[in-house]
Amino acid sequence: MSTLATGETVTLAADKVDGVALSVLLFFFIVVTIGGFWASNWRKADSPHSLDEWGLGGRSFGTVITWFLLGGDLYTAYTFIAVPAAMFATGAVTGFFAVAYTVMIYPIVFIFMPRMWSVSHSKGYVTAADFVRGRFDSRFLALAVALTGILATMPYIALQLVGIQAVIDSIGLGGRGNAFVRDLPLLIAFAVLAAYTYSSGLRAPAIIAFVKDSLIYLVIAVAVVYVGVHVGYGALFDAAETKMATKTPAGVNTGVFIPASNNYWAYATLALGSALALFMYPHSMTAVLSGKSRNVIRRNATILPAYSLLLAMLALLGYAAIASGTSVIGVDGKPNPQLAVPHFFRDEFPSWFAGIAYSAIAIGALVPAAIMSIAAANMFSRNIYKEFLVPHATHKQEAQAAKITSLVVKFGALIFVLLLDKQNAINMQLLGGVWILQTLLAIVVGLYTRWLHRWALLAGWAVGMIYGTVAAYNQKSAVTEHFGGSLATFPFTDTRVYIALSALVLNIVVTVLLTFVLRAMKAPEGVDATTYEDYYSESTKKVSDLPGTDGGLPVPGGVRG
């Protein structure tokens, strides 16, 4: 039993450890751990000591592997934990927009990602910042893109750790004792993840993604049938509508069941901004560049929407938890909406199947966490370590720097999640979206034109970053004074929109205006290292194949575009 701050006495979500569910989870955890370490021998290269091999899997993945890798990369603990939690807590605006944006993103990806694949493989680029460096001949603009990517990735990795915490809590572990004992299971999972990522690079999550996706499809198929038979979809929506219309102590509705006119812009900008941001993230770019051909990327843009149906079903589990009366009180006696789905499976299914669901969630967190840390490490190694610290670094030194950085990034994310409020997990990811969207002009627009001046792009990026961060910092919620949400009023209006999109608009205005000024002043534009043919290349070239690179970035040359 536990007493809340309100004086209400409640029964804790778990009074003892669920041994059966824990055993099932440990079994699958051991399986993926073995797979993660074995992956270092899968498609082993003659010379594994390079970022091409460690960080991009040798650029050799076909359609099927890339599909699983991208699915494991894009559909994360945000999908399995934060989206249903948002549906459970406040409804459609903060939760179901995720389904809309995953529908919107793939036509966008079909258009510009094949160009990114072609130019990157033609020139040996490993990161988006590599492309920006070559396209605009600006090491500082590339540095801005790299730092933004690393910064935005940190809360995204933290969100995966929140998913693992939710599973640990649901089994009955982690809420008792001192801080070390409470977080020990998470620390163990983190250590194992760090070890096999260090050893196997991108091959590890590529292998584990097969297990993760198989478990997720199994769990969702069973859950969909169960909800239809035992809960009823009519009862599910009725219960959600009733809860969202219930008044809080402040006299406002608990949440939004069907967005009213004053929520349209919030919903639409969250969906659009998230769609534009998703493939700007380093981990998305890394998964794409690991494909072996341009057509692999096109095929995946057409078949990946199948995951959007999966996401819709997962989101509705938040409403199913409402209809079933699922408690979200953790073992620490505190309410935590992130527990809605794990506790739903704990309450409604036998322990052995709950263990399978927990395994799907936990592995669904480990796979993207591995890819994200690898992607951030690639950026550090290529665009900071190689560019500014050790210009003559060898392939092996680059790879070693990336391996070490991947450990540091995971540790930073661990500190992030242990110190910040877990109930704001979805805002962690949305905050990353505010930052990463500010790189869109340099990356996406840069794929088609160099008209935007490199110095103007850097200034626009800085304005967008500062505005977005300050606006997000000023958002309050019932549980936190800062970073309490991702919506704010658009400047000079009363309309609430996604902060990332407001920041991008300011970014665009500053960049375009300064470009006119700098071009009028005939400011140096630099030399474009890419050619027209590079953007349509089907060939696969590694950095070591390119003349004059010495294992680093291609020497700027070619024509201006």
Protein backbone atom coordinates (compact mmCIF):
# COMPACT_ATOMS: atom_id res chain seq x y z
CA MET A 1 0.00 0.00 0.00
CA SER A 2 1.05 3.61 -0.51
CA THR A 3 -0.31 7.05 0.28
CA LEU A 4 -0.27 9.68 -2.46
CA ALA A 5 0.31 13.39 -1.90
CA THR A 6 -3.47 13.90 -2.00
CA GLY A 7 -3.89 11.65 1.01
CA GLU A 8 -5.47 8.88 -1.08
CA THR A 9 -4.35 5.36 -0.24
CA VAL A 10 -3.76 3.11 -3.22
CA THR A 11 -2.53 -0.38 -3.87
CA LEU A 12 0.81 -0.39 -5.60
CA ALA A 13 0.86 -1.53 -9.20
CA ALA A 14 2.97 -4.55 -8.28
CA ASP A 15 3.48 -5.94 -4.78
CA LYS A 16 5.92 -8.61 -5.88
CA VAL A 17 8.10 -9.59 -8.79
CA ASP A 18 6.32 -11.49 -11.57
CA GLY A 19 8.72 -14.40 -11.89
CA VAL A 20 7.17 -15.89 -15.03
CA ALA A 21 7.16 -12.60 -16.96
CA LEU A 22 10.69 -11.87 -15.76
CA SER A 23 11.89 -15.29 -16.95
CA VAL A 24 10.40 -14.75 -20.42
CA LEU A 25 11.98 -11.30 -20.61
CA LEU A 26 15.38 -12.65 -19.55
CA PHE A 27 15.15 -15.39 -22.17
CA PHE A 28 14.60 -12.95 -25.02
CA PHE A 29 17.16 -10.53 -23.59
CA ILE A 30 19.76 -13.31 -23.63
CA VAL A 31 18.77 -14.24 -27.20
CA VAL A 32 19.23 -10.70 -28.52
CA THR A 33 22.44 -10.27 -26.53
CA ILE A 34 23.92 -13.37 -28.15
CA GLY A 35 22.69 -12.11 -31.52
CA GLY A 36 24.20 -8.70 -30.89
CA PHE A 37 27.67 -10.11 -30.22
CA TRP A 38 27.42 -12.71 -33.00
CA ALA A 39 26.59 -9.96 -35.48
CA SER A 40 30.24 -8.91 -35.53
CA ASN A 41 30.88 -12.08 -37.59
CA TRP A 42 27.88 -11.63 -39.88
CA ARG A 43 28.94 -10.52 -43.36
CA LYS A 44 32.35 -9.87 -41.87
CA ALA A 45 34.45 -7.53 -43.98
CA ASP A 46 38.10 -8.06 -44.91
CA SER A 47 38.88 -4.75 -43.20
CA PRO A 48 36.30 -4.08 -40.47
CA HIS A 49 38.15 -1.10 -39.00
CA SER A 50 36.31 1.72 -40.76
CA LEU A 51 33.11 3.70 -40.35
CA ASP A 52 31.79 2.17 -43.56
CA GLU A 53 31.84 -1.22 -41.86
CA TRP A 54 31.19 -0.42 -38.19
CA GLY A 55 28.86 2.54 -38.66
CA LEU A 56 27.05 1.60 -41.90
CA GLY A 57 27.23 -2.19 -41.96
CA GLY A 58 29.40 -2.12 -45.09
CA ARG A 59 26.64 -0.29 -47.01
CA SER A 60 25.45 -3.76 -48.01
CA PHE A 61 21.90 -4.23 -46.72
CA GLY A 62 19.20 -5.26 -49.16
CA THR A 63 15.47 -4.47 -49.17
CA VAL A 64 14.41 -6.94 -46.48
CA ILE A 65 17.19 -6.16 -44.01
CA THR A 66 16.79 -2.43 -44.57
CA TRP A 67 13.03 -2.76 -43.99
CA PHE A 68 13.57 -4.43 -40.64
CA LEU A 69 16.38 -2.03 -39.76
CA LEU A 70 14.36 1.07 -40.62
CA GLY A 71 11.31 -0.35 -38.85
CA GLY A 72 13.41 -1.08 -35.79
CA ASP A 73 14.97 2.35 -36.09
CA LEU A 74 11.86 4.49 -36.60
CA TYR A 75 9.29 2.62 -34.50
CA THR A 76 10.78 2.90 -31.07
CA ALA A 77 9.78 3.09 -27.41
CA TYR A 78 8.14 6.36 -28.48
CA THR A 79 5.79 4.11 -30.47
CA PHE A 80 5.22 1.45 -27.83
CA ILE A 81 5.22 3.56 -24.66
CA ALA A 82 4.94 7.31 -25.18
CA VAL A 83 2.22 7.41 -27.86
CA PRO A 84 -0.24 5.12 -26.01
CA ALA A 85 0.66 6.95 -22.77
CA ALA A 86 -0.27 10.26 -24.37
CA MET A 87 -3.53 8.76 -25.63
CA PHE A 88 -4.24 7.43 -22.14
CA ALA A 89 -3.42 10.72 -20.41
CA THR A 90 -4.63 13.51 -22.68
CA GLY A 91 -6.00 12.01 -25.90
CA ALA A 92 -5.75 12.63 -29.61
CA VAL A 93 -3.77 15.86 -30.02
CA THR A 94 -0.71 14.67 -28.08
CA GLY A 95 -0.96 11.03 -29.14
CA PHE A 96 -2.74 10.18 -32.38
CA PHE A 97 -0.95 12.85 -34.43
CA ALA A 98 1.91 10.33 -34.59
CA VAL A 99 -0.17 8.12 -36.88
CA ALA A 100 -0.82 11.05 -39.22
CA TYR A 101 2.82 12.00 -39.48
CA THR A 102 4.01 8.48 -40.27
CA VAL A 103 1.56 8.46 -43.17
CA MET A 104 2.88 11.81 -44.41
CA ILE A 105 6.57 11.03 -44.16
CA TYR A 106 7.03 8.27 -46.73
CA PRO A 107 6.11 10.22 -49.89
CA ILE A 108 8.62 12.83 -48.72
CA VAL A 109 11.25 10.13 -48.19
CA PHE A 110 10.56 8.63 -51.62
CA ILE A 111 11.40 11.96 -53.21
CA PHE A 112 14.58 13.11 -51.49
CA MET A 113 16.22 10.12 -49.77
CA PRO A 114 17.29 8.38 -53.01
CA ARG A 115 19.20 11.57 -53.90
CA MET A 116 20.87 11.56 -50.49
CA TRP A 117 21.77 7.89 -50.91
CA SER A 118 23.26 8.49 -54.36
CA VAL A 119 25.42 11.47 -53.49
CA SER A 120 26.56 9.88 -50.24
CA HIS A 121 27.58 6.64 -51.89
CA SER A 122 29.17 8.42 -54.80
CA LYS A 123 31.27 10.64 -52.54
CA GLY A 124 31.72 8.29 -49.59
CA TYR A 125 29.73 10.43 -47.16
CA VAL A 126 28.85 8.71 -43.89
CA THR A 127 26.66 11.42 -42.32
CA ALA A 128 24.37 14.23 -43.41
CA ALA A 129 26.97 16.66 -42.09
CA ASP A 130 29.48 15.13 -44.53
CA PHE A 131 27.12 16.06 -47.35
CA VAL A 132 26.66 19.61 -46.04
CA ARG A 133 30.45 19.97 -45.73
CA GLY A 134 30.97 18.94 -49.35
CA ARG A 135 27.98 20.74 -50.82
CA PHE A 136 28.49 24.13 -49.17
CA ASP A 137 32.24 23.97 -48.50
CA SER A 138 31.65 25.03 -44.89
CA ARG A 139 33.16 23.08 -42.03
CA PHE A 140 31.30 25.22 -39.48
CA LEU A 141 27.90 24.68 -41.09
CA ALA A 142 28.70 20.96 -41.09
CA LEU A 143 29.70 21.26 -37.44
CA ALA A 144 26.36 22.90 -36.64
CA VAL A 145 24.51 20.03 -38.35
CA ALA A 146 26.60 17.44 -36.50
CA LEU A 147 26.18 19.05 -33.08
CA THR A 148 22.45 19.42 -33.64
CA GLY A 149 22.17 15.77 -34.62
CA ILE A 150 24.02 14.61 -31.53
CA LEU A 151 22.03 16.94 -29.26
CA ALA A 152 18.67 15.87 -30.71
CA THR A 153 19.61 12.20 -30.45
CA MET A 154 20.28 12.32 -26.70
CA PRO A 155 16.65 12.73 -25.56
CA TYR A 156 15.58 10.19 -28.19
CA ILE A 157 17.89 7.57 -26.70
CA ALA A 158 16.66 8.59 -23.26
CA LEU A 159 13.12 7.85 -24.40
CA GLN A 160 14.19 4.28 -25.19
CA LEU A 161 15.51 3.92 -21.66
CA VAL A 162 12.18 5.17 -20.33
CA GLY A 163 10.55 2.29 -22.21
CA ILE A 164 12.86 -0.20 -20.53
CA GLN A 165 12.11 1.40 -17.16
CA ALA A 166 8.38 0.94 -17.75
CA VAL A 167 8.90 -2.78 -18.37
CA ILE A 168 11.08 -3.13 -15.29
CA ASP A 169 8.45 -1.36 -13.19
CA SER A 170 5.61 -3.52 -14.55
CA ILE A 171 7.43 -6.72 -13.62
CA GLY A 172 7.78 -5.40 -10.07
CA LEU A 173 11.43 -4.37 -10.06
CA GLY A 174 13.06 -1.02 -9.65
CA GLY A 175 10.81 0.91 -7.29
CA ARG A 176 12.30 -0.06 -3.99
CA GLY A 177 15.51 0.69 -2.10
CA ASN A 178 18.12 3.33 -2.80
CA ALA A 179 18.71 4.92 -6.18
CA PHE A 180 21.38 2.41 -7.23
CA VAL A 181 19.23 -0.63 -6.41
CA ARG A 182 16.18 0.98 -8.06
CA ASP A 183 18.00 1.64 -11.31
CA LEU A 184 20.22 -1.46 -11.32
CA PRO A 185 18.19 -3.38 -13.97
CA LEU A 186 18.34 -0.37 -16.28
CA LEU A 187 22.08 -0.05 -15.72
CA ILE A 188 22.59 -3.72 -16.60
CA ALA A 189 20.55 -3.39 -19.80
CA PHE A 190 22.54 -0.25 -20.67
CA ALA A 191 25.86 -2.01 -20.11
CA VAL A 192 24.95 -4.97 -22.32
CA LEU A 193 23.65 -2.65 -25.06
CA ALA A 194 26.85 -0.63 -24.93
CA ALA A 195 29.00 -3.76 -25.14
CA TYR A 196 27.48 -5.37 -28.22
CA THR A 197 27.10 -2.04 -30.01
CA TYR A 198 30.79 -1.35 -29.43
CA SER A 199 31.67 -4.80 -30.72
CA SER A 200 29.35 -5.21 -33.72
CA GLY A 201 28.33 -1.73 -34.82
CA LEU A 202 25.26 -1.40 -37.06
CA ARG A 203 25.16 -5.13 -37.75
CA ALA A 204 23.94 -5.76 -34.18
CA PRO A 205 20.66 -3.80 -34.37
CA ALA A 206 20.13 -5.10 -37.92
CA ILE A 207 20.11 -8.67 -36.57
CA ILE A 208 18.09 -7.87 -33.45
CA ALA A 209 15.46 -5.95 -35.45
CA PHE A 210 14.22 -9.30 -36.85
CA VAL A 211 13.42 -10.52 -33.33
CA LYS A 212 11.92 -7.19 -32.29
CA ASP A 213 9.55 -6.85 -35.23
CA SER A 214 8.42 -10.48 -35.03
CA LEU A 215 7.53 -10.06 -31.36
CA ILE A 216 5.75 -6.76 -31.96
CA TYR A 217 3.57 -8.15 -34.75
CA LEU A 218 2.68 -11.15 -32.59
CA VAL A 219 1.78 -9.00 -29.59
CA ILE A 220 -0.30 -6.54 -31.60
CA ALA A 221 -2.17 -9.29 -33.46
CA VAL A 222 -3.16 -10.89 -30.15
CA ALA A 223 -4.00 -7.53 -28.55
CA VAL A 224 -6.23 -6.45 -31.45
CA VAL A 225 -8.25 -9.66 -31.23
CA TYR A 226 -8.41 -9.51 -27.42
CA VAL A 227 -9.59 -5.90 -27.36
CA GLY A 228 -12.28 -6.62 -29.94
CA VAL A 229 -13.60 -9.66 -28.08
CA HIS A 230 -13.19 -8.76 -24.41
CA VAL A 231 -13.28 -4.94 -24.37
CA GLY A 232 -15.10 -3.98 -27.55
CA TYR A 233 -14.03 -1.11 -29.74
CA GLY A 234 -17.26 0.76 -29.05
CA ALA A 235 -16.66 0.53 -25.30
CA LEU A 236 -13.04 1.55 -25.84
CA PHE A 237 -13.97 4.83 -27.54
CA ASP A 238 -16.83 5.51 -25.15
CA ALA A 239 -14.55 5.17 -22.14
CA ALA A 240 -11.93 7.42 -23.71
CA GLU A 241 -14.51 10.09 -24.59
CA THR A 242 -15.83 10.06 -21.03
CA LYS A 243 -12.36 10.39 -19.52
CA MET A 244 -11.27 13.22 -21.82
CA ALA A 245 -14.45 15.18 -21.02
CA THR A 246 -13.90 14.80 -17.25
CA LYS A 247 -12.89 18.07 -15.58
CA THR A 248 -9.58 18.37 -13.78
CA PRO A 249 -9.25 20.25 -10.45
CA ALA A 250 -8.33 23.29 -12.56
CA GLY A 251 -11.74 23.14 -14.26
CA VAL A 252 -10.54 22.11 -17.74
CA ASN A 253 -11.09 18.89 -19.67
CA THR A 254 -8.67 16.06 -18.97
CA GLY A 255 -7.81 15.83 -22.65
CA VAL A 256 -9.05 15.88 -26.23
CA PHE A 257 -11.07 13.05 -27.74
CA ILE A 258 -11.86 14.71 -31.08
CA PRO A 259 -9.84 17.89 -31.73
CA ALA A 260 -11.99 21.03 -31.73
CA SER A 261 -11.28 23.98 -34.03
CA ASN A 262 -8.90 25.54 -31.50
CA ASN A 263 -6.78 22.36 -31.67
CA TYR A 264 -6.56 22.08 -35.46
CA TRP A 265 -3.32 24.00 -35.83
CA ALA A 266 -1.74 22.19 -32.89
CA TYR A 267 -2.61 18.78 -34.35
CA ALA A 268 -1.65 19.68 -37.92
CA THR A 269 1.68 21.31 -37.05
CA LEU A 270 2.66 18.48 -34.71
CA ALA A 271 2.04 16.02 -37.55
CA LEU A 272 3.75 18.08 -40.28
CA GLY A 273 6.70 19.15 -38.15
CA SER A 274 7.33 15.61 -36.92
CA ALA A 275 7.09 14.26 -40.47
CA LEU A 276 9.66 16.77 -41.74
CA ALA A 277 11.95 16.08 -38.79
CA LEU A 278 11.94 12.28 -38.74
CA PHE A 279 14.47 11.62 -41.49
CA MET A 280 16.67 14.53 -40.44
CA TYR A 281 17.69 12.50 -37.40
CA PRO A 282 21.14 10.90 -37.69
CA HIS A 283 19.77 7.41 -36.96
CA SER A 284 17.28 7.62 -39.85
CA MET A 285 20.02 8.78 -42.19
CA THR A 286 22.35 6.02 -41.01
CA ALA A 287 19.79 3.30 -41.72
CA VAL A 288 19.15 4.72 -45.18
CA LEU A 289 22.83 4.99 -46.11
CA SER A 290 23.40 1.37 -45.08
CA GLY A 291 21.27 0.22 -48.05
CA LYS A 292 23.14 -1.28 -50.96
CA SER A 293 21.29 0.50 -53.76
CA ARG A 294 19.12 3.50 -54.58
CA ASN A 295 16.20 1.19 -55.33
CA VAL A 296 16.39 -0.33 -51.86
CA ILE A 297 15.47 3.08 -50.47
CA ARG A 298 12.61 3.54 -52.93
CA ARG A 299 11.17 0.11 -52.19
CA ASN A 300 11.30 0.75 -48.45
CA ALA A 301 9.53 4.09 -48.84
CA THR A 302 6.64 2.17 -50.42
CA ILE A 303 6.41 -0.74 -47.94
CA LEU A 304 7.27 0.97 -44.65
CA PRO A 305 3.76 2.50 -44.35
CA ALA A 306 2.68 -0.98 -43.21
CA TYR A 307 4.17 0.04 -39.86
CA SER A 308 1.74 2.96 -39.66
CA LEU A 309 -1.13 0.49 -39.26
CA LEU A 310 0.85 -1.09 -36.45
CA LEU A 311 1.31 2.32 -34.84
CA ALA A 312 -2.43 3.03 -35.01
CA MET A 313 -3.18 -0.22 -33.21
CA LEU A 314 -0.57 0.54 -30.57
CA ALA A 315 -1.94 4.04 -30.02
CA LEU A 316 -5.42 2.66 -29.40
CA LEU A 317 -4.04 0.47 -26.61
CA GLY A 318 -3.93 3.69 -24.60
CA TYR A 319 -7.71 3.88 -24.91
CA ALA A 320 -7.98 0.15 -24.21
CA ALA A 321 -6.17 0.75 -20.93
CA ILE A 322 -8.79 3.39 -20.04
CA ALA A 323 -11.67 1.06 -20.87
CA SER A 324 -10.11 -1.75 -18.85
CA GLY A 325 -9.55 0.44 -15.80
CA THR A 326 -5.79 -0.11 -15.94
CA SER A 327 -3.88 1.45 -13.05
CA VAL A 328 -0.77 3.46 -13.89
CA ILE A 329 0.52 3.60 -10.31
CA GLY A 330 4.11 2.39 -10.32
CA VAL A 331 5.94 0.40 -7.67
CA ASP A 332 7.09 3.71 -6.23
CA GLY A 333 3.45 4.65 -5.52
CA LYS A 334 3.39 7.45 -8.11
CA PRO A 335 1.11 7.69 -11.16
CA ASN A 336 2.99 7.36 -14.46
CA PRO A 337 1.07 7.27 -17.78
CA GLN A 338 4.07 5.56 -19.42
CA LEU A 339 2.93 2.41 -17.61
CA ALA A 340 -0.45 2.27 -19.38
CA VAL A 341 0.46 -0.34 -22.00
CA PRO A 342 2.78 -2.53 -19.88
CA HIS A 343 0.22 -2.58 -17.06
CA PHE A 344 -2.59 -3.33 -19.54
CA PHE A 345 -0.75 -6.48 -20.63
CA ARG A 346 0.06 -7.33 -17.02
CA ASP A 347 -3.57 -7.03 -15.91
CA GLU A 348 -5.33 -8.57 -18.92
CA PHE A 349 -3.06 -11.41 -20.05
CA PRO A 350 -1.34 -14.42 -18.47
CA SER A 351 2.15 -13.76 -17.12
CA TRP A 352 3.88 -15.67 -19.91
CA PHE A 353 2.26 -13.55 -22.62
CA ALA A 354 2.83 -10.37 -20.62
CA GLY A 355 6.49 -11.41 -20.61
CA ILE A 356 6.45 -11.62 -24.41
CA ALA A 357 4.87 -8.14 -24.58
CA TYR A 358 7.51 -6.79 -22.18
CA SER A 359 10.22 -8.37 -24.33
CA ALA A 360 8.81 -6.72 -27.45
CA ILE A 361 8.82 -3.32 -25.72
CA ALA A 362 12.30 -3.74 -24.24
CA ILE A 363 13.88 -4.99 -27.48
CA GLY A 364 11.92 -2.29 -29.29
CA ALA A 365 13.88 0.16 -27.15
CA LEU A 366 17.28 -1.53 -27.46
CA VAL A 367 17.33 -1.62 -31.28
CA PRO A 368 16.81 2.11 -31.92
CA ALA A 369 19.00 3.04 -28.94
CA ALA A 370 21.85 1.12 -30.58
CA ILE A 371 21.31 2.73 -34.00
CA MET A 372 20.99 6.20 -32.48
CA SER A 373 24.21 5.92 -30.53
CA ILE A 374 26.03 4.63 -33.63
CA ALA A 375 24.67 7.51 -35.74
CA ALA A 376 25.69 10.13 -33.17
CA ALA A 377 29.11 8.51 -32.92
CA ASN A 378 29.53 8.60 -36.71
CA MET A 379 28.84 12.33 -36.65
CA PHE A 380 31.31 12.98 -33.88
CA SER A 381 34.03 10.92 -35.54
CA ARG A 382 33.64 12.37 -39.05
CA ASN A 383 32.57 15.94 -38.41
CA ILE A 384 34.30 16.83 -35.14
CA TYR A 385 37.15 14.39 -34.44
CA LYS A 386 38.36 14.08 -38.05
CA GLU A 387 37.50 17.62 -39.14
CA PHE A 388 38.81 19.60 -36.16
CA LEU A 389 40.82 17.42 -33.79
CA VAL A 390 42.82 14.83 -35.78
CA PRO A 391 42.72 15.82 -39.46
CA HIS A 392 45.02 12.97 -40.51
CA ALA A 393 43.19 10.23 -38.62
CA THR A 394 43.27 6.81 -40.27
CA HIS A 395 40.21 4.67 -40.97
CA LYS A 396 40.96 2.65 -37.85
CA GLN A 397 41.30 5.77 -35.68
CA GLU A 398 38.00 7.11 -37.02
CA ALA A 399 36.24 3.85 -36.20
CA GLN A 400 37.80 3.68 -32.73
CA ALA A 401 36.75 7.27 -31.98
CA ALA A 402 33.20 6.40 -33.05
CA LYS A 403 33.11 3.30 -30.86
CA ILE A 404 34.18 5.25 -27.79
CA THR A 405 31.75 8.06 -28.58
CA SER A 406 28.87 5.58 -28.84
CA LEU A 407 29.56 4.63 -25.22
CA VAL A 408 29.67 8.26 -24.12
CA VAL A 409 26.40 9.06 -25.90
CA LYS A 410 24.62 6.16 -24.20
CA PHE A 411 25.97 7.23 -20.82
CA GLY A 412 24.79 10.80 -21.44
CA ALA A 413 21.32 9.57 -22.34
CA LEU A 414 21.27 7.43 -19.20
CA ILE A 415 22.04 10.48 -17.05
CA PHE A 416 19.39 12.40 -19.02
CA VAL A 417 16.63 9.94 -18.17
CA LEU A 418 17.68 9.34 -14.56
CA LEU A 419 17.62 13.07 -13.76
CA LEU A 420 14.55 14.22 -15.70
CA ASP A 421 10.89 13.46 -15.06
CA LYS A 422 9.89 10.19 -16.76
CA GLN A 423 6.30 11.39 -17.21
CA ASN A 424 7.49 13.79 -19.91
CA ALA A 425 8.95 11.08 -22.12
CA ILE A 426 7.07 12.16 -25.24
CA ASN A 427 8.25 15.76 -24.75
CA MET A 428 11.85 14.54 -24.73
CA GLN A 429 11.45 13.30 -28.27
CA LEU A 430 9.46 16.33 -29.39
CA LEU A 431 12.17 18.61 -27.99
CA GLY A 432 14.67 16.76 -30.15
CA GLY A 433 12.37 17.46 -33.09
CA VAL A 434 12.57 21.20 -32.37
CA TRP A 435 16.34 21.05 -32.75
CA ILE A 436 16.76 18.62 -35.62
CA LEU A 437 14.22 20.38 -37.85
CA GLN A 438 16.57 23.37 -37.99
CA THR A 439 18.93 21.34 -40.20
CA LEU A 440 16.29 20.78 -42.90
CA LEU A 441 17.33 23.72 -45.09
CA ALA A 442 20.98 22.71 -45.26
CA ILE A 443 20.23 19.03 -45.88
CA VAL A 444 17.03 18.78 -47.94
CA VAL A 445 17.12 22.09 -49.79
CA GLY A 446 20.85 21.52 -50.26
CA LEU A 447 20.07 18.33 -52.19
CA TYR A 448 18.47 20.46 -54.92
CA THR A 449 20.16 23.86 -54.88
CA ARG A 450 23.08 25.87 -53.50
CA TRP A 451 21.24 29.18 -53.83
CA LEU A 452 20.97 29.56 -50.06
CA HIS A 453 24.27 31.02 -48.86
CA ARG A 454 26.29 28.96 -46.41
CA TRP A 455 26.67 31.85 -43.93
CA ALA A 456 22.95 32.61 -44.14
CA LEU A 457 22.17 28.94 -43.44
CA LEU A 458 24.36 29.07 -40.35
CA ALA A 459 22.68 32.26 -39.10
CA GLY A 460 19.18 30.88 -39.75
CA TRP A 461 20.09 27.68 -37.93
CA ALA A 462 21.28 29.67 -34.90
CA VAL A 463 18.09 31.76 -34.76
CA GLY A 464 15.88 28.69 -35.04
CA MET A 465 17.83 26.82 -32.36
CA ILE A 466 17.75 29.71 -29.89
CA TYR A 467 14.06 30.50 -30.40
CA GLY A 468 13.02 26.85 -30.29
CA THR A 469 14.99 26.06 -27.15
CA VAL A 470 13.79 29.14 -25.26
CA ALA A 471 10.17 28.59 -26.30
CA ALA A 472 10.31 24.94 -25.22
CA TYR A 473 12.01 25.87 -21.94
CA ASN A 474 9.18 28.27 -21.10
CA GLN A 475 6.44 25.64 -21.42
CA LYS A 476 4.95 24.52 -18.11
CA SER A 477 2.84 21.50 -17.25
CA ALA A 478 1.21 20.06 -14.16
CA VAL A 479 4.39 18.14 -13.33
CA THR A 480 7.24 20.39 -14.47
CA GLU A 481 8.13 24.07 -14.64
CA HIS A 482 10.15 23.80 -17.85
CA PHE A 483 10.05 21.76 -21.06
CA GLY A 484 6.50 20.78 -20.14
CA GLY A 485 5.20 20.65 -23.70
CA SER A 486 5.99 21.15 -27.36
CA LEU A 487 3.27 23.67 -28.24
CA ALA A 488 3.47 27.45 -27.95
CA THR A 489 1.67 30.43 -29.47
CA PHE A 490 3.01 31.40 -32.88
CA PRO A 491 4.71 34.83 -32.69
CA PHE A 492 2.24 37.74 -32.80
CA THR A 493 -0.80 35.41 -32.72
CA ASP A 494 -2.90 33.49 -30.19
CA THR A 495 -2.63 30.23 -32.15
CA ARG A 496 -0.78 27.36 -30.51
CA VAL A 497 1.46 25.40 -32.87
CA TYR A 498 4.38 22.99 -32.69
CA ILE A 499 7.44 24.97 -31.58
CA ALA A 500 9.70 23.22 -34.10
CA LEU A 501 7.67 24.55 -37.02
CA SER A 502 7.62 28.11 -35.63
CA ALA A 503 11.40 27.94 -35.22
CA LEU A 504 11.76 26.63 -38.78
CA VAL A 505 9.71 29.52 -40.16
CA LEU A 506 12.03 32.00 -38.42
CA ASN A 507 14.99 29.99 -39.70
CA ILE A 508 13.71 30.25 -43.28
CA VAL A 509 13.02 34.00 -43.06
CA VAL A 510 16.48 34.77 -41.68
CA THR A 511 18.23 32.46 -44.16
CA VAL A 512 16.46 33.83 -47.25
CA LEU A 513 16.89 37.49 -46.28
CA LEU A 514 20.57 37.07 -45.44
CA THR A 515 21.13 35.13 -48.66
CA PHE A 516 19.89 38.12 -50.68
CA VAL A 517 22.20 40.41 -48.69
CA LEU A 518 25.26 38.15 -48.92
CA ARG A 519 24.79 37.55 -52.63
CA ALA A 520 24.46 41.28 -53.21
CA MET A 521 27.74 41.71 -51.32
CA LYS A 522 29.27 38.88 -53.39
CA ALA A 523 30.33 37.03 -50.24
CA PRO A 524 32.41 33.88 -50.93
CA GLU A 525 30.19 30.88 -51.66
CA GLY A 526 32.81 28.15 -51.48
CA VAL A 527 33.24 25.31 -53.96
CA ASP A 528 30.70 22.53 -54.43
CA ALA A 529 32.33 19.08 -54.08
CA THR A 530 29.42 17.35 -55.79
CA THR A 531 28.42 17.07 -59.44
CA TYR A 532 25.07 16.62 -61.17
CA GLU A 533 25.78 12.94 -61.81
CA ASP A 534 26.43 12.26 -58.12
CA TYR A 535 22.75 12.74 -57.28
CA TYR A 536 21.69 9.93 -59.62
CA SER A 537 24.51 7.50 -58.97
CA GLU A 538 23.69 3.82 -58.38
CA SER A 539 27.29 2.90 -57.59
CA THR A 540 28.64 2.09 -54.16
CA LYS A 541 31.94 3.75 -53.35
CA LYS A 542 33.60 3.73 -49.99
CA VAL A 543 35.73 6.53 -48.66
CA SER A 544 38.90 4.53 -49.23
CA ASP A 545 38.03 4.17 -52.93
CA LEU A 546 38.04 7.93 -53.52
CA PRO A 547 41.18 9.73 -54.71
CA GLY A 548 42.82 12.23 -52.41
CA THR A 549 40.80 11.42 -49.30
CA ASP A 550 43.38 9.64 -47.12
CA GLY A 551 40.46 8.06 -45.31
CA GLY A 552 38.69 11.32 -44.60
CA LEU A 553 36.26 13.61 -46.36
CA PRO A 554 36.69 13.96 -50.12
CA VAL A 555 38.73 16.98 -51.08
CA PRO A 556 36.35 19.77 -52.18
CA GLY A 557 36.23 19.98 -55.92
CA GLY A 558 33.87 19.62 -58.86
CA VAL A 559 31.47 22.23 -60.04
CA ARG A 560 29.16 24.69 -58.40
CA GLY A 561 25.50 23.76 -58.50
